[in-house]
PDB file of N, CA and C in Angstrom:
ATOM      1  N   MET A   1       0.855  -1.180   0.000  1.00  0.00           N
ATOM      2  CA  MET A   1       0.000   0.000   0.000  1.00  0.00           C
ATOM      3  C   MET A   1       0.897   1.237   0.000  1.00  0.00           C
ATOM      4  N   HIS A   2       0.565   2.175  -0.829  1.00  0.00           N
ATOM      5  CA  HIS A   2       1.310   3.423  -0.936  1.00  0.00           C
ATOM      6  C   HIS A   2       0.992   4.293   0.272  1.00  0.00           C
ATOM      7  N   LEU A   3       2.030   4.976   0.817  1.00  0.00           N
ATOM      8  CA  LEU A   3       1.853   5.771   2.023  1.00  0.00           C
ATOM      9  C   LEU A   3       0.792   6.848   1.861  1.00  0.00           C
ATOM     10  N   ALA A   4       0.703   7.443   0.676  1.00  0.00           N
ATOM     11  CA  ALA A   4      -0.259   8.533   0.460  1.00  0.00           C
ATOM     12  C   ALA A   4      -1.691   8.045   0.555  1.00  0.00           C
ATOM     13  N   THR A   5      -1.907   6.745   0.400  1.00  0.00           N
ATOM     14  CA  THR A   5      -3.271   6.226   0.499  1.00  0.00           C
ATOM     15  C   THR A   5      -3.497   5.470   1.808  1.00  0.00           C
ATOM     16  N   SER A   6      -2.463   5.357   2.646  1.00  0.00           N
ATOM     17  CA  SER A   6      -2.631   4.624   3.892  1.00  0.00           C
ATOM     18  C   SER A   6      -3.544   5.409   4.826  1.00  0.00           C
ATOM     19  N   SER A   7      -4.279   4.687   5.622  1.00  0.00           N
ATOM     20  CA  SER A   7      -5.265   5.336   6.480  1.00  0.00           C
ATOM     21  C   SER A   7      -4.615   6.208   7.546  1.00  0.00           C
ATOM     22  N   SER A   8      -3.440   5.837   8.066  1.00  0.00           N
ATOM     23  CA  SER A   8      -2.810   6.650   9.101  1.00  0.00           C
ATOM     24  C   SER A   8      -2.340   7.987   8.542  1.00  0.00           C
ATOM     25  N   PHE A   9      -1.894   8.005   7.287  1.00  0.00           N
ATOM     26  CA  PHE A   9      -1.470   9.257   6.654  1.00  0.00           C
ATOM     27  C   PHE A   9      -2.657  10.193   6.480  1.00  0.00           C
ATOM     28  N   VAL A  10      -3.813   9.652   6.213  1.00  0.00           N
ATOM     29  CA  VAL A  10      -5.004  10.465   5.957  1.00  0.00           C
ATOM     30  C   VAL A  10      -5.751  10.782   7.256  1.00  0.00           C
ATOM     31  N   ILE A  11      -5.954   9.810   8.104  1.00  0.00           N
ATOM     32  CA  ILE A  11      -6.819   9.983   9.273  1.00  0.00           C
ATOM     33  C   ILE A  11      -6.206  10.913  10.315  1.00  0.00           C
ATOM     34  N   SER A  12      -4.927  10.773  10.620  1.00  0.00           N
ATOM     35  CA  SER A  12      -4.314  11.603  11.664  1.00  0.00           C
ATOM     36  C   SER A  12      -4.418  13.095  11.356  1.00  0.00           C
ATOM     37  N   PRO A  13      -3.978  13.552  10.170  1.00  0.00           N
ATOM     38  CA  PRO A  13      -4.133  14.982   9.884  1.00  0.00           C
ATOM     39  C   PRO A  13      -5.597  15.426   9.799  1.00  0.00           C
ATOM     40  N   LEU A  14      -6.473  14.557   9.323  1.00  0.00           N
ATOM     41  CA  LEU A  14      -7.895  14.915   9.296  1.00  0.00           C
ATOM     42  C   LEU A  14      -8.426  15.140  10.705  1.00  0.00           C
ATOM     43  N   LEU A  15      -8.007  14.297  11.639  1.00  0.00           N
ATOM     44  CA  LEU A  15      -8.433  14.462  13.030  1.00  0.00           C
ATOM     45  C   LEU A  15      -7.868  15.747  13.640  1.00  0.00           C
ATOM     46  N   VAL A  16      -6.614  16.051  13.319  1.00  0.00           N
ATOM     47  CA  VAL A  16      -6.017  17.294  13.824  1.00  0.00           C
ATOM     48  C   VAL A  16      -6.763  18.497  13.250  1.00  0.00           C
ATOM     49  N   GLY A  17      -7.071  18.454  11.948  1.00  0.00           N
ATOM     50  CA  GLY A  17      -7.830  19.540  11.328  1.00  0.00           C
ATOM     51  C   GLY A  17      -9.198  19.712  11.958  1.00  0.00           C
ATOM     52  N   ALA A  18      -9.882  18.606  12.185  1.00  0.00           N
ATOM     53  CA  ALA A  18     -11.207  18.673  12.814  1.00  0.00           C
ATOM     54  C   ALA A  18     -11.107  19.200  14.243  1.00  0.00           C
ATOM     55  N   LEU A  19     -10.063  18.810  14.962  1.00  0.00           N
ATOM     56  CA  LEU A  19      -9.866  19.295  16.331  1.00  0.00           C
ATOM     57  C   LEU A  19      -9.605  20.804  16.340  1.00  0.00           C
ATOM     58  N   CYS A  20      -8.815  21.288  15.400  1.00  0.00           N
ATOM     59  CA  CYS A  20      -8.563  22.742  15.301  1.00  0.00           C
ATOM     60  C   CYS A  20      -9.867  23.496  15.054  1.00  0.00           C
ATOM     61  N   ILE A  21     -10.693  22.966  14.182  1.00  0.00           N
ATOM     62  CA  ILE A  21     -11.986  23.608  13.907  1.00  0.00           C
ATOM     63  C   ILE A  21     -12.856  23.588  15.157  1.00  0.00           C
ATOM     64  N   ALA A  22     -12.931  22.441  15.810  1.00  0.00           N
ATOM     65  CA  ALA A  22     -13.771  22.314  17.009  1.00  0.00           C
ATOM     66  C   ALA A  22     -13.296  23.224  18.139  1.00  0.00           C
ATOM     67  N   LEU A  23     -11.983  23.359  18.310  1.00  0.00           N
ATOM     68  CA  LEU A  23     -11.460  24.236  19.357  1.00  0.00           C
ATOM     69  C   LEU A  23     -11.570  25.709  18.971  1.00  0.00           C
ATOM     70  N   GLY A  24     -11.554  25.999  17.690  1.00  0.00           N
ATOM     71  CA  GLY A  24     -11.610  27.380  17.237  1.00  0.00           C
ATOM     72  C   GLY A  24     -12.991  27.997  17.291  1.00  0.00           C
ATOM     73  N   ILE A  25     -14.024  27.198  17.107  1.00  0.00           N
ATOM     74  CA  ILE A  25     -15.392  27.743  17.040  1.00  0.00           C
ATOM     75  C   ILE A  25     -15.791  28.484  18.318  1.00  0.00           C
ATOM     76  N   PRO A  26     -15.634  27.895  19.516  1.00  0.00           N
ATOM     77  CA  PRO A  26     -16.030  28.645  20.716  1.00  0.00           C
ATOM     78  C   PRO A  26     -15.210  29.927  20.909  1.00  0.00           C
ATOM     79  N   LEU A  27     -13.948  29.898  20.530  1.00  0.00           N
ATOM     80  CA  LEU A  27     -13.127  31.106  20.639  1.00  0.00           C
ATOM     81  C   LEU A  27     -13.610  32.178  19.673  1.00  0.00           C
ATOM     82  N   ALA A  28     -13.875  31.781  18.436  1.00  0.00           N
ATOM     83  CA  ALA A  28     -14.322  32.737  17.420  1.00  0.00           C
ATOM     84  C   ALA A  28     -15.660  33.368  17.800  1.00  0.00           C
ATOM     85  N   LEU A  29     -16.478  32.624  18.512  1.00  0.00           N
ATOM     86  CA  LEU A  29     -17.799  33.122  18.918  1.00  0.00           C
ATOM     87  C   LEU A  29     -17.772  33.831  20.274  1.00  0.00           C
ATOM     88  N   ASN A  30     -16.570  34.032  20.828  1.00  0.00           N
ATOM     89  CA  ASN A  30     -16.405  34.695  22.136  1.00  0.00           C
ATOM     90  C   ASN A  30     -17.172  33.983  23.246  1.00  0.00           C
ATOM     91  N   LYS A  31     -17.197  32.671  23.212  1.00  0.00           N
ATOM     92  CA  LYS A  31     -17.882  31.882  24.229  1.00  0.00           C
ATOM     93  C   LYS A  31     -16.979  31.493  25.397  1.00  0.00           C
ATOM     94  N   ILE A  32     -15.688  31.747  25.270  1.00  0.00           N
ATOM     95  CA  ILE A  32     -14.741  31.329  26.303  1.00  0.00           C
ATOM     96  C   ILE A  32     -14.294  32.546  27.105  1.00  0.00           C
ATOM     97  N   LYS A  33     -14.574  32.519  28.400  1.00  0.00           N
ATOM     98  CA  LYS A  33     -14.173  33.606  29.291  1.00  0.00           C
ATOM     99  C   LYS A  33     -12.671  33.497  29.569  1.00  0.00           C
ATOM    100  N   PRO A  34     -12.053  34.593  29.975  1.00  0.00           N
ATOM    101  CA  PRO A  34     -10.629  34.527  30.325  1.00  0.00           C
ATOM    102  C   PRO A  34     -10.372  33.428  31.360  1.00  0.00           C
ATOM    103  N   ASN A  35      -9.376  32.620  31.072  1.00  0.00           N
ATOM    104  CA  ASN A  35      -9.021  31.505  31.950  1.00  0.00           C
ATOM    105  C   ASN A  35      -7.563  31.153  31.710  1.00  0.00           C
ATOM    106  N   SER A  36      -7.021  30.285  32.518  1.00  0.00           N
ATOM    107  CA  SER A  36      -5.613  29.904  32.369  1.00  0.00           C
ATOM    108  C   SER A  36      -5.446  28.540  31.703  1.00  0.00           C
ATOM    109  N   PHE A  37      -6.495  28.045  31.057  1.00  0.00           N
ATOM    110  CA  PHE A  37      -6.428  26.706  30.454  1.00  0.00           C
ATOM    111  C   PHE A  37      -6.633  26.712  28.940  1.00  0.00           C
ATOM    112  N   TYR A  38      -7.599  27.466  28.438  1.00  0.00           N
ATOM    113  CA  TYR A  38      -8.026  27.342  27.052  1.00  0.00           C
ATOM    114  C   TYR A  38      -8.154  28.712  26.421  1.00  0.00           C
ATOM    115  N   GLY A  39      -7.455  28.918  25.328  1.00  0.00           N
ATOM    116  CA  GLY A  39      -7.470  30.177  24.621  1.00  0.00           C
ATOM    117  C   GLY A  39      -6.051  30.678  24.414  1.00  0.00           C
ATOM    118  N   PHE A  40      -5.928  31.855  23.825  1.00  0.00           N
ATOM    119  CA  PHE A  40      -4.619  32.471  23.620  1.00  0.00           C
ATOM    120  C   PHE A  40      -4.269  33.209  24.900  1.00  0.00           C
ATOM    121  N   ARG A  41      -3.473  32.542  25.747  1.00  0.00           N
ATOM    122  CA  ARG A  41      -3.237  33.015  27.105  1.00  0.00           C
ATOM    123  C   ARG A  41      -1.855  33.647  27.232  1.00  0.00           C
ATOM    124  N   LEU A  42      -1.846  34.943  27.304  1.00  0.00           N
ATOM    125  CA  LEU A  42      -0.643  35.707  27.623  1.00  0.00           C
ATOM    126  C   LEU A  42      -1.034  36.696  28.714  1.00  0.00           C
ATOM    127  N   ALA A  43      -0.051  37.283  29.374  1.00  0.00           N
ATOM    128  CA  ALA A  43      -0.363  38.250  30.428  1.00  0.00           C
ATOM    129  C   ALA A  43      -1.277  39.347  29.896  1.00  0.00           C
ATOM    130  N   LYS A  44      -1.025  39.780  28.669  1.00  0.00           N
ATOM    131  CA  LYS A  44      -1.819  40.859  28.084  1.00  0.00           C
ATOM    132  C   LYS A  44      -3.287  40.461  27.920  1.00  0.00           C
ATOM    133  N   THR A  45      -3.542  39.236  27.484  1.00  0.00           N
ATOM    134  CA  THR A  45      -4.931  38.808  27.297  1.00  0.00           C
ATOM    135  C   THR A  45      -5.596  38.473  28.622  1.00  0.00           C
ATOM    136  N   LEU A  46      -4.841  37.944  29.564  1.00  0.00           N
ATOM    137  CA  LEU A  46      -5.416  37.560  30.853  1.00  0.00           C
ATOM    138  C   LEU A  46      -5.699  38.771  31.737  1.00  0.00           C
ATOM    139  N   ASN A  47      -4.982  39.864  31.525  1.00  0.00           N
ATOM    140  CA  ASN A  47      -5.154  41.056  32.363  1.00  0.00           C
ATOM    141  C   ASN A  47      -6.210  42.025  31.851  1.00  0.00           C
ATOM    142  N   ASP A  48      -6.656  41.870  30.624  1.00  0.00           N
ATOM    143  CA  ASP A  48      -7.632  42.801  30.052  1.00  0.00           C
ATOM    144  C   ASP A  48      -8.683  42.000  29.282  1.00  0.00           C
ATOM    145  N   GLU A  49      -9.895  42.001  29.804  1.00  0.00           N
ATOM    146  CA  GLU A  49     -10.961  41.180  29.212  1.00  0.00           C
ATOM    147  C   GLU A  49     -11.260  41.570  27.766  1.00  0.00           C
ATOM    148  N   SER A  50     -11.220  42.859  27.447  1.00  0.00           N
ATOM    149  CA  SER A  50     -11.513  43.265  26.067  1.00  0.00           C
ATOM    150  C   SER A  50     -10.428  42.764  25.112  1.00  0.00           C
ATOM    151  N   VAL A  51      -9.177  42.768  25.566  1.00  0.00           N
ATOM    152  CA  VAL A  51      -8.085  42.219  24.747  1.00  0.00           C
ATOM    153  C   VAL A  51      -8.260  40.713  24.607  1.00  0.00           C
ATOM    154  N   TRP A  52      -8.651  40.052  25.700  1.00  0.00           N
ATOM    155  CA  TRP A  52      -8.904  38.603  25.654  1.00  0.00           C
ATOM    156  C   TRP A  52      -9.880  38.258  24.544  1.00  0.00           C
ATOM    157  N   TYR A  53     -11.035  38.918  24.536  1.00  0.00           N
ATOM    158  CA  TYR A  53     -12.065  38.571  23.559  1.00  0.00           C
ATOM    159  C   TYR A  53     -11.651  38.927  22.134  1.00  0.00           C
ATOM    160  N   ARG A  54     -10.982  40.060  21.972  1.00  0.00           N
ATOM    161  CA  ARG A  54     -10.557  40.461  20.624  1.00  0.00           C
ATOM    162  C   ARG A  54      -9.511  39.493  20.068  1.00  0.00           C
ATOM    163  N   VAL A  55      -8.490  39.189  20.855  1.00  0.00           N
ATOM    164  CA  VAL A  55      -7.413  38.308  20.398  1.00  0.00           C
ATOM    165  C   VAL A  55      -7.919  36.880  20.227  1.00  0.00           C
ATOM    166  N   ASN A  56      -8.737  36.401  21.156  1.00  0.00           N
ATOM    167  CA  ASN A  56      -9.209  35.026  21.052  1.00  0.00           C
ATOM    168  C   ASN A  56     -10.246  34.840  19.958  1.00  0.00           C
ATOM    169  N   ALA A  57     -11.003  35.881  19.621  1.00  0.00           N
ATOM    170  CA  ALA A  57     -11.898  35.783  18.462  1.00  0.00           C
ATOM    171  C   ALA A  57     -11.071  35.602  17.202  1.00  0.00           C
ATOM    172  N   PHE A  58      -9.976  36.362  17.097  1.00  0.00           N
ATOM    173  CA  PHE A  58      -9.089  36.194  15.940  1.00  0.00           C
ATOM    174  C   PHE A  58      -8.442  34.814  15.961  1.00  0.00           C
ATOM    175  N   THR A  59      -7.945  34.408  17.137  1.00  0.00           N
ATOM    176  CA  THR A  59      -7.295  33.103  17.260  1.00  0.00           C
ATOM    177  C   THR A  59      -8.250  31.977  16.870  1.00  0.00           C
ATOM    178  N   GLY A  60      -9.500  32.071  17.294  1.00  0.00           N
ATOM    179  CA  GLY A  60     -10.489  31.054  16.931  1.00  0.00           C
ATOM    180  C   GLY A  60     -10.667  30.974  15.424  1.00  0.00           C
ATOM    181  N   LYS A  61     -10.773  32.131  14.776  1.00  0.00           N
ATOM    182  CA  LYS A  61     -10.904  32.145  13.309  1.00  0.00           C
ATOM    183  C   LYS A  61      -9.648  31.602  12.651  1.00  0.00           C
ATOM    184  N   ALA A  62      -8.492  31.930  13.212  1.00  0.00           N
ATOM    185  CA  ALA A  62      -7.238  31.415  12.662  1.00  0.00           C
ATOM    186  C   ALA A  62      -7.155  29.896  12.816  1.00  0.00           C
ATOM    187  N   PHE A  63      -7.622  29.378  13.948  1.00  0.00           N
ATOM    188  CA  PHE A  63      -7.615  27.929  14.141  1.00  0.00           C
ATOM    189  C   PHE A  63      -8.623  27.235  13.227  1.00  0.00           C
ATOM    190  N   ILE A  64      -9.762  27.840  13.017  1.00  0.00           N
ATOM    191  CA  ILE A  64     -10.716  27.274  12.062  1.00  0.00           C
ATOM    192  C   ILE A  64     -10.079  27.233  10.675  1.00  0.00           C
ATOM    193  N   GLY A  65      -9.434  28.327  10.298  1.00  0.00           N
ATOM    194  CA  GLY A  65      -8.754  28.369   9.001  1.00  0.00           C
ATOM    195  C   GLY A  65      -7.645  27.348   8.897  1.00  0.00           C
ATOM    196  N   SER A  66      -6.887  27.163   9.978  1.00  0.00           N
ATOM    197  CA  SER A  66      -5.810  26.170   9.935  1.00  0.00           C
ATOM    198  C   SER A  66      -6.371  24.753   9.843  1.00  0.00           C
ATOM    199  N   GLY A  67      -7.512  24.515  10.492  1.00  0.00           N
ATOM    200  CA  GLY A  67      -8.143  23.194  10.389  1.00  0.00           C
ATOM    201  C   GLY A  67      -8.634  22.915   8.989  1.00  0.00           C
ATOM    202  N   VAL A  68      -9.264  23.913   8.379  1.00  0.00           N
ATOM    203  CA  VAL A  68      -9.736  23.759   6.993  1.00  0.00           C
ATOM    204  C   VAL A  68      -8.545  23.552   6.059  1.00  0.00           C
ATOM    205  N   ALA A  69      -7.476  24.338   6.259  1.00  0.00           N
ATOM    206  CA  ALA A  69      -6.282  24.199   5.422  1.00  0.00           C
ATOM    207  C   ALA A  69      -5.654  22.821   5.594  1.00  0.00           C
ATOM    208  N   THR A  70      -5.596  22.333   6.825  1.00  0.00           N
ATOM    209  CA  THR A  70      -5.027  21.007   7.076  1.00  0.00           C
ATOM    210  C   THR A  70      -5.819  19.933   6.352  1.00  0.00           C
ATOM    211  N   ILE A  71      -7.135  20.001   6.444  1.00  0.00           N
ATOM    212  CA  ILE A  71      -7.977  19.000   5.776  1.00  0.00           C
ATOM    213  C   ILE A  71      -7.808  19.081   4.265  1.00  0.00           C
ATOM    214  N   ALA A  72      -7.770  20.290   3.722  1.00  0.00           N
ATOM    215  CA  ALA A  72      -7.582  20.444   2.269  1.00  0.00           C
ATOM    216  C   ALA A  72      -6.211  19.919   1.850  1.00  0.00           C
ATOM    217  N   LEU A  73      -5.190  20.212   2.650  1.00  0.00           N
ATOM    218  CA  LEU A  73      -3.837  19.761   2.308  1.00  0.00           C
ATOM    219  C   LEU A  73      -3.709  18.245   2.327  1.00  0.00           C
ATOM    220  N   VAL A  74      -4.464  17.584   3.176  1.00  0.00           N
ATOM    221  CA  VAL A  74      -4.435  16.111   3.188  1.00  0.00           C
ATOM    222  C   VAL A  74      -4.793  15.577   1.802  1.00  0.00           C
ATOM    223  N   PHE A  75      -5.847  16.111   1.233  1.00  0.00           N
ATOM    224  CA  PHE A  75      -6.288  15.614  -0.069  1.00  0.00           C
ATOM    225  C   PHE A  75      -5.356  16.051  -1.189  1.00  0.00           C
ATOM    226  N   ILE A  76      -4.797  17.248  -1.079  1.00  0.00           N
ATOM    227  CA  ILE A  76      -3.850  17.714  -2.102  1.00  0.00           C
ATOM    228  C   ILE A  76      -2.584  16.866  -2.081  1.00  0.00           C
ATOM    229  N   VAL A  77      -2.036  16.641  -0.881  1.00  0.00           N
ATOM    230  CA  VAL A  77      -0.813  15.839  -0.780  1.00  0.00           C
ATOM    231  C   VAL A  77      -1.080  14.392  -1.166  1.00  0.00           C
ATOM    232  N   ARG A  78      -2.224  13.880  -0.813  1.00  0.00           N
ATOM    233  CA  ARG A  78      -2.572  12.511  -1.216  1.00  0.00           C
ATOM    234  C   ARG A  78      -2.606  12.416  -2.736  1.00  0.00           C
ATOM    235  N   TRP A  79      -3.204  13.408  -3.385  1.00  0.00           N
ATOM    236  CA  TRP A  79      -3.273  13.422  -4.847  1.00  0.00           C
ATOM    237  C   TRP A  79      -1.865  13.558  -5.445  1.00  0.00           C
ATOM    238  N   LEU A  80      -1.062  14.491  -4.887  1.00  0.00           N
ATOM    239  CA  LEU A  80       0.299  14.670  -5.393  1.00  0.00           C
ATOM    240  C   LEU A  80       1.144  13.415  -5.189  1.00  0.00           C
ATOM    241  N   GLY A  81       0.994  12.789  -4.034  1.00  0.00           N
ATOM    242  CA  GLY A  81       1.753  11.573  -3.751  1.00  0.00           C
ATOM    243  C   GLY A  81       1.445  10.470  -4.727  1.00  0.00           C
ATOM    244  N   ASN A  82       0.189  10.327  -5.080  1.00  0.00           N
ATOM    245  CA  ASN A  82      -0.195   9.302  -6.047  1.00  0.00           C
ATOM    246  C   ASN A  82       0.189   9.709  -7.470  1.00  0.00           C
ATOM    247  N   MET A  83       0.046  10.994  -7.770  1.00  0.00           N
ATOM    248  CA  MET A  83       0.325  11.492  -9.116  1.00  0.00           C
ATOM    249  C   MET A  83       1.813  11.404  -9.451  1.00  0.00           C
ATOM    250  N   PHE A  84       2.663  11.789  -8.500  1.00  0.00           N
ATOM    251  CA  PHE A  84       4.092  11.861  -8.757  1.00  0.00           C
ATOM    252  C   PHE A  84       4.886  10.747  -8.084  1.00  0.00           C
ATOM    253  N   CYS A  85       4.198   9.794  -7.507  1.00  0.00           N
ATOM    254  CA  CYS A  85       4.837   8.655  -6.839  1.00  0.00           C
ATOM    255  C   CYS A  85       5.926   9.122  -5.873  1.00  0.00           C
ATOM    256  N   LEU A  86       5.569  10.037  -4.991  1.00  0.00           N
ATOM    257  CA  LEU A  86       6.520  10.526  -3.998  1.00  0.00           C
ATOM    258  C   LEU A  86       6.909   9.398  -3.060  1.00  0.00           C
ATOM    259  N   GLY A  87       8.145   9.418  -2.644  1.00  0.00           N
ATOM    260  CA  GLY A  87       8.647   8.392  -1.743  1.00  0.00           C
ATOM    261  C   GLY A  87       8.133   8.580  -0.329  1.00  0.00           C
ATOM    262  N   PRO A  88       8.323   7.574   0.505  1.00  0.00           N
ATOM    263  CA  PRO A  88       7.822   7.622   1.881  1.00  0.00           C
ATOM    264  C   PRO A  88       8.381   8.782   2.699  1.00  0.00           C
ATOM    265  N   VAL A  89       9.663   9.101   2.522  1.00  0.00           N
ATOM    266  CA  VAL A  89      10.259  10.191   3.301  1.00  0.00           C
ATOM    267  C   VAL A  89       9.635  11.523   2.899  1.00  0.00           C
ATOM    268  N   ALA A  90       9.479  11.757   1.612  1.00  0.00           N
ATOM    269  CA  ALA A  90       8.865  12.998   1.140  1.00  0.00           C
ATOM    270  C   ALA A  90       7.440  13.116   1.656  1.00  0.00           C
ATOM    271  N   LEU A  91       6.700  12.023   1.636  1.00  0.00           N
ATOM    272  CA  LEU A  91       5.325  12.054   2.122  1.00  0.00           C
ATOM    273  C   LEU A  91       5.258  12.268   3.631  1.00  0.00           C
ATOM    274  N   GLN A  92       6.197  11.702   4.373  1.00  0.00           N
ATOM    275  CA  GLN A  92       6.217  11.923   5.817  1.00  0.00           C
ATOM    276  C   GLN A  92       6.524  13.379   6.143  1.00  0.00           C
ATOM    277  N   LEU A  93       7.449  13.976   5.403  1.00  0.00           N
ATOM    278  CA  LEU A  93       7.757  15.391   5.611  1.00  0.00           C
ATOM    279  C   LEU A  93       6.554  16.260   5.242  1.00  0.00           C
ATOM    280  N   LEU A  94       5.909  15.933   4.146  1.00  0.00           N
ATOM    281  CA  LEU A  94       4.708  16.670   3.763  1.00  0.00           C
ATOM    282  C   LEU A  94       3.609  16.484   4.799  1.00  0.00           C
ATOM    283  N   GLY A  95       3.491  15.289   5.323  1.00  0.00           N
ATOM    284  CA  GLY A  95       2.479  15.022   6.353  1.00  0.00           C
ATOM    285  C   GLY A  95       2.710  15.856   7.602  1.00  0.00           C
ATOM    286  N   ALA A  96       3.969  15.990   8.007  1.00  0.00           N
ATOM    287  CA  ALA A  96       4.278  16.829   9.168  1.00  0.00           C
ATOM    288  C   ALA A  96       3.973  18.287   8.855  1.00  0.00           C
ATOM    289  N   GLY A  97       4.297  18.708   7.650  1.00  0.00           N
ATOM    290  CA  GLY A  97       4.014  20.076   7.244  1.00  0.00           C
ATOM    291  C   GLY A  97       2.537  20.375   7.178  1.00  0.00           C
ATOM    292  N   ILE A  98       1.770  19.379   6.756  1.00  0.00           N
ATOM    293  CA  ILE A  98       0.313  19.536   6.670  1.00  0.00           C
ATOM    294  C   ILE A  98      -0.253  19.954   8.024  1.00  0.00           C
ATOM    295  N   VAL A  99       0.261  19.365   9.076  1.00  0.00           N
ATOM    296  CA  VAL A  99      -0.257  19.639  10.415  1.00  0.00           C
ATOM    297  C   VAL A  99       0.398  20.878  11.015  1.00  0.00           C
ATOM    298  N   MET A 100       1.700  21.019  10.855  1.00  0.00           N
ATOM    299  CA  MET A 100       2.432  22.067  11.570  1.00  0.00           C
ATOM    300  C   MET A 100       2.313  23.452  10.937  1.00  0.00           C
ATOM    301  N   VAL A 101       2.429  23.553   9.635  1.00  0.00           N
ATOM    302  CA  VAL A 101       2.475  24.874   9.001  1.00  0.00           C
ATOM    303  C   VAL A 101       1.207  25.690   9.269  1.00  0.00           C
ATOM    304  N   PRO A 102       0.007  25.155   9.049  1.00  0.00           N
ATOM    305  CA  PRO A 102      -1.174  25.972   9.340  1.00  0.00           C
ATOM    306  C   PRO A 102      -1.277  26.384  10.808  1.00  0.00           C
ATOM    307  N   LEU A 103      -0.897  25.495  11.720  1.00  0.00           N
ATOM    308  CA  LEU A 103      -0.950  25.840  13.146  1.00  0.00           C
ATOM    309  C   LEU A 103       0.061  26.922  13.508  1.00  0.00           C
ATOM    310  N   VAL A 104       1.266  26.812  12.981  1.00  0.00           N
ATOM    311  CA  VAL A 104       2.296  27.817  13.256  1.00  0.00           C
ATOM    312  C   VAL A 104       1.866  29.180  12.710  1.00  0.00           C
ATOM    313  N   VAL A 105       1.304  29.192  11.506  1.00  0.00           N
ATOM    314  CA  VAL A 105       0.816  30.451  10.927  1.00  0.00           C
ATOM    315  C   VAL A 105      -0.279  31.050  11.817  1.00  0.00           C
ATOM    316  N   ALA A 106      -1.188  30.228  12.303  1.00  0.00           N
ATOM    317  CA  ALA A 106      -2.271  30.711  13.172  1.00  0.00           C
ATOM    318  C   ALA A 106      -1.718  31.303  14.469  1.00  0.00           C
ATOM    319  N   VAL A 107      -0.745  30.651  15.062  1.00  0.00           N
ATOM    320  CA  VAL A 107      -0.173  31.133  16.322  1.00  0.00           C
ATOM    321  C   VAL A 107       0.612  32.426  16.095  1.00  0.00           C
ATOM    322  N   ILE A 108       1.388  32.496  15.028  1.00  0.00           N
ATOM    323  CA  ILE A 108       2.145  33.715  14.747  1.00  0.00           C
ATOM    324  C   ILE A 108       1.194  34.877  14.466  1.00  0.00           C
ATOM    325  N   ALA A 109       0.162  34.642  13.659  1.00  0.00           N
ATOM    326  CA  ALA A 109      -0.803  35.696  13.375  1.00  0.00           C
ATOM    327  C   ALA A 109      -1.506  36.147  14.646  1.00  0.00           C
ATOM    328  N   SER A 110      -1.856  35.235  15.515  1.00  0.00           N
ATOM    329  CA  SER A 110      -2.488  35.589  16.784  1.00  0.00           C
ATOM    330  C   SER A 110      -1.546  36.393  17.668  1.00  0.00           C
ATOM    331  N   SER A 111      -0.268  36.052  17.653  1.00  0.00           N
ATOM    332  CA  SER A 111       0.722  36.809  18.419  1.00  0.00           C
ATOM    333  C   SER A 111       0.825  38.240  17.919  1.00  0.00           C
ATOM    334  N   VAL A 112       0.784  38.427  16.611  1.00  0.00           N
ATOM    335  CA  VAL A 112       0.833  39.767  16.037  1.00  0.00           C
ATOM    336  C   VAL A 112      -0.393  40.565  16.458  1.00  0.00           C
ATOM    337  N   VAL A 113      -1.575  39.936  16.385  1.00  0.00           N
ATOM    338  CA  VAL A 113      -2.806  40.617  16.791  1.00  0.00           C
ATOM    339  C   VAL A 113      -2.727  40.987  18.274  1.00  0.00           C
ATOM    340  N   CYS A 114      -2.218  40.097  19.090  1.00  0.00           N
ATOM    341  CA  CYS A 114      -2.109  40.377  20.528  1.00  0.00           C
ATOM    342  C   CYS A 114      -1.127  41.522  20.774  1.00  0.00           C
ATOM    343  N   HIS A 115      -0.036  41.512  20.075  1.00  0.00           N
ATOM    344  CA  HIS A 115       0.965  42.575  20.257  1.00  0.00           C
ATOM    345  C   HIS A 115       0.396  43.935  19.877  1.00  0.00           C
ATOM    346  N   ARG A 116      -0.445  43.973  18.856  1.00  0.00           N
ATOM    347  CA  ARG A 116      -1.043  45.237  18.397  1.00  0.00           C
ATOM    348  C   ARG A 116      -2.231  45.674  19.227  1.00  0.00           C
ATOM    349  N   ALA A 117      -2.783  44.762  20.036  1.00  0.00           N
ATOM    350  CA  ALA A 117      -3.989  45.093  20.820  1.00  0.00           C
ATOM    351  C   ALA A 117      -3.675  46.002  21.985  1.00  0.00           C
TER     352      ALA A 117
END
């Protein structure tokens, strides 16, 4: 079985993408009060409720976007892997990128929004 079609290559990133969407929705809807467990927690957000809601609404949208991007990338990389017969190492690196790059972009963008708030 080719790695790009194996269930672990597809299911794991899909679950991570779905989890990002599920965790992002309450933040985007401002349903999460300031706390020390869940949300974009920095001294700046924890000390000012208006900053908390503004930054976490953005963070929630960024996480939803990263989840959607992760899910889309799973299918794109799966198609590319089958189309170009990418080797296992290339597919493993792409698989890690599928999960990490959208999340890193979301966190960096949220940090910028927090810094500007």
